[in-house]
Protein backbone atom coordinates (compact mmCIF):
# COMPACT_ATOMS: atom_id res chain seq x y z
CA MET A 1 6.17 22.14 -21.28
CA LYS A 2 3.72 23.17 -18.57
CA LYS A 3 3.33 19.55 -17.38
CA PHE A 4 7.10 19.07 -17.33
CA LEU A 5 7.58 22.17 -15.15
CA MET A 6 4.82 20.95 -12.81
CA ILE A 7 6.58 17.58 -12.38
CA ILE A 8 9.89 19.32 -11.65
CA ALA A 9 8.16 21.56 -9.08
CA PHE A 10 6.68 18.51 -7.30
CA LEU A 11 10.08 16.82 -7.17
CA PHE A 12 11.71 19.91 -5.66
CA ALA A 13 8.87 20.19 -3.13
CA ALA A 14 9.47 16.58 -2.11
CA LEU A 15 13.20 17.20 -1.70
CA ALA A 16 12.57 20.35 0.32
CA ALA A 17 10.24 18.46 2.69
CA LYS A 18 13.26 16.77 4.33
CA ALA A 19 11.61 13.38 4.15
CA GLN A 20 11.41 11.28 7.28
CA PHE A 21 12.99 8.14 5.83
CA GLU A 22 15.79 7.87 8.41
CA LYS A 23 16.59 4.91 10.66
CA GLY A 24 14.45 4.87 13.80
CA THR A 25 11.45 6.68 12.25
CA TRP A 26 8.04 4.98 12.65
CA LEU A 27 5.39 4.87 9.91
CA LEU A 28 1.60 4.43 10.06
CA ASN A 29 -0.10 4.16 6.65
CA PRO A 30 -3.92 3.70 6.52
CA SER A 31 -5.86 3.45 3.27
CA VAL A 32 -9.34 4.70 4.09
CA THR A 33 -12.52 2.75 3.21
CA GLY A 34 -13.69 3.69 -0.26
CA LEU A 35 -10.25 4.74 -1.47
CA ASP A 36 -8.76 1.26 -2.03
CA LEU A 37 -10.06 0.36 -5.50
CA SER A 38 -8.91 -2.94 -6.97
CA TYR A 39 -9.80 -5.59 -9.56
CA SER A 40 -9.42 -9.37 -9.78
CA SER A 41 -11.17 -12.06 -11.83
CA ALA A 42 -12.83 -13.50 -8.73
CA GLU A 43 -14.04 -10.24 -7.17
CA LYS A 44 -14.46 -7.71 -9.99
CA THR A 45 -14.34 -4.13 -8.62
CA GLN A 46 -14.34 -3.61 -4.87
CA PHE A 47 -13.62 -1.14 -2.11
CA GLY A 48 -11.60 -1.87 1.00
CA PHE A 49 -9.62 -0.76 4.00
CA GLN A 50 -6.06 -1.50 5.07
CA VAL A 51 -3.50 -0.28 7.56
CA GLN A 52 0.27 -0.72 7.43
CA GLY A 53 2.64 0.22 10.18
CA GLY A 54 6.28 -0.27 10.90
CA ALA A 55 9.70 1.22 11.40
CA PHE A 56 12.73 2.22 9.34
CA LEU A 57 15.48 -0.31 10.10
CA GLU A 58 17.98 1.60 7.97
CA ASP A 59 17.79 4.87 6.06
CA ASN A 60 15.19 4.46 3.26
CA ILE A 61 14.30 0.85 4.28
CA ALA A 62 11.10 0.19 6.26
CA LEU A 63 9.76 -3.08 7.70
CA LEU A 64 5.93 -3.10 7.74
CA VAL A 65 3.04 -5.13 9.17
CA HIS A 66 -0.19 -5.20 7.12
CA ILE A 67 -3.83 -5.63 8.24
CA GLY A 68 -6.66 -5.33 5.73
CA ALA A 69 -10.28 -6.08 4.87
CA ASP A 70 -12.29 -5.94 1.63
CA TRP A 71 -16.06 -6.21 1.68
CA THR A 72 -17.98 -7.01 -1.49
CA ASP A 73 -20.95 -9.16 -2.38
CA PRO A 74 -20.53 -12.19 -2.28
CA ILE A 75 -16.90 -12.25 -1.02
CA ASP A 76 -15.30 -10.73 2.07
CA VAL A 77 -11.52 -10.96 2.37
CA TYR A 78 -9.43 -10.38 5.52
CA SER A 79 -5.64 -10.20 5.30
CA LEU A 80 -2.60 -10.10 7.57
CA GLY A 81 0.99 -9.85 6.38
CA VAL A 82 4.53 -8.50 6.57
CA GLY A 83 6.63 -6.65 4.04
CA GLY A 84 9.05 -3.88 3.39
CA ARG A 85 9.53 -0.69 1.43
CA TYR A 86 12.54 0.94 -0.15
CA TYR A 87 12.37 4.73 -0.61
CA PHE A 88 14.50 6.14 -3.41
CA ASP A 89 16.52 8.90 -1.75
CA ARG A 90 14.34 11.79 -0.49
CA THR A 91 12.04 12.08 -3.50
CA GLY A 92 9.24 10.07 -1.86
CA VAL A 93 9.12 7.42 -4.61
CA TYR A 94 9.05 3.91 -3.14
CA MET A 95 8.85 0.22 -4.06
CA GLY A 96 7.50 -2.37 -1.68
CA ALA A 97 7.03 -6.13 -1.43
CA GLY A 98 5.56 -8.54 1.08
CA LEU A 99 3.67 -11.72 1.93
CA LYS A 100 0.03 -11.83 3.03
CA MET A 101 -2.21 -14.50 4.49
CA LYS A 102 -5.81 -14.06 3.33
CA LYS A 103 -9.07 -15.47 4.67
CA TRP A 104 -11.85 -15.61 2.05
CA ASP A 105 -15.40 -15.59 3.47
CA LEU A 106 -17.60 -16.68 0.57
CA LYS A 107 -21.39 -16.58 0.30
CA GLY A 108 -23.07 -19.52 2.02
CA GLY A 109 -20.60 -19.78 4.92
CA VAL A 110 -17.73 -21.24 2.86
CA GLU A 111 -14.25 -20.13 3.98
CA GLU A 112 -10.93 -20.48 2.15
CA ASP A 113 -7.36 -19.58 3.06
CA ASP A 114 -4.86 -18.15 0.60
CA TYR A 115 -1.36 -16.71 0.59
CA ALA A 116 -0.19 -13.95 -1.72
CA PHE A 117 3.04 -12.25 -2.70
CA GLY A 118 2.50 -8.54 -3.25
CA VAL A 119 4.46 -5.72 -4.86
CA GLU A 120 3.65 -2.02 -4.92
CA ALA A 121 5.04 1.22 -6.30
CA GLY A 122 4.01 4.60 -4.98
CA TYR A 123 4.83 8.14 -4.07
CA ALA A 124 4.83 9.80 -0.63
CA TYR A 125 3.84 13.44 -1.19
CA PHE A 126 4.52 15.45 1.98
CA LEU A 127 1.74 17.78 3.11
CA SER A 128 3.76 18.66 6.21
CA LYS A 129 6.97 17.40 7.78
CA THR A 130 5.24 14.25 9.10
CA VAL A 131 2.04 13.74 7.01
CA THR A 132 1.86 12.41 3.45
CA ILE A 133 -0.67 11.45 0.80
CA GLU A 134 0.48 8.19 -0.76
CA PRO A 135 -1.02 7.02 -4.06
CA ALA A 136 0.21 3.58 -5.13
CA VAL A 137 -0.30 0.84 -7.69
CA TYR A 138 -0.08 -2.73 -6.39
CA TYR A 139 -0.30 -6.35 -7.49
CA ASP A 140 -1.01 -9.33 -5.21
CA MET A 141 -0.18 -12.71 -6.77
CA SER A 142 -2.21 -15.53 -5.23
CA PHE A 143 -0.40 -18.80 -4.50
CA LYS A 144 -3.70 -20.70 -4.66
CA ASP A 145 -5.48 -19.58 -7.82
CA GLY A 146 -4.72 -16.97 -10.49
CA ASP A 147 -8.33 -15.77 -10.29
CA TYR A 148 -7.58 -14.52 -6.77
CA SER A 149 -4.60 -12.42 -7.93
CA LYS A 150 -5.33 -8.73 -7.71
CA ILE A 151 -4.15 -5.50 -9.30
CA GLY A 152 -5.25 -2.21 -7.83
CA LEU A 153 -4.82 1.47 -7.10
CA LYS A 154 -4.91 2.82 -3.57
CA ILE A 155 -4.65 6.23 -1.97
CA GLY A 156 -3.58 6.38 1.63
CA PHE A 157 -2.11 8.68 4.21
CA GLY A 158 1.29 8.32 5.84
CA PHE A 159 2.16 9.50 9.33
CA TYR A 160 5.89 9.58 10.10
CA PHE A 161 7.02 9.99 13.71
């Protein structure tokens, strides 16, 4: 019962925050190095950094640009992409999807290009009227090789202005 009441309290807090998901609002969403933990068959566990930014084209619908980097031994991956998010009402719960171009820098100077379709589900918890903590689960499906597909958990910050 205690957990149920805590969940209800968080939902009411999110509603009371008067979320900034209206048309014309801009969003900057960095995931800080060390907080982007993911797993794939090719890379095992790794840490990375990514930044998303964009604007709300309509209420609850954001168009985003993605830039990211993951550094592990022996693979470094750099990514660039576009996508979107849909926020469910003012609760802060969102679903996103997008396409990414990835550059794999493998040990020994070998480079490979890849494209991926990604989906994510997360929650924007408002710390103030414009700042959020955004935990999310994501999956990137590689078009090149299933071993390069990735599932992960990330924790980022959102700045709405």
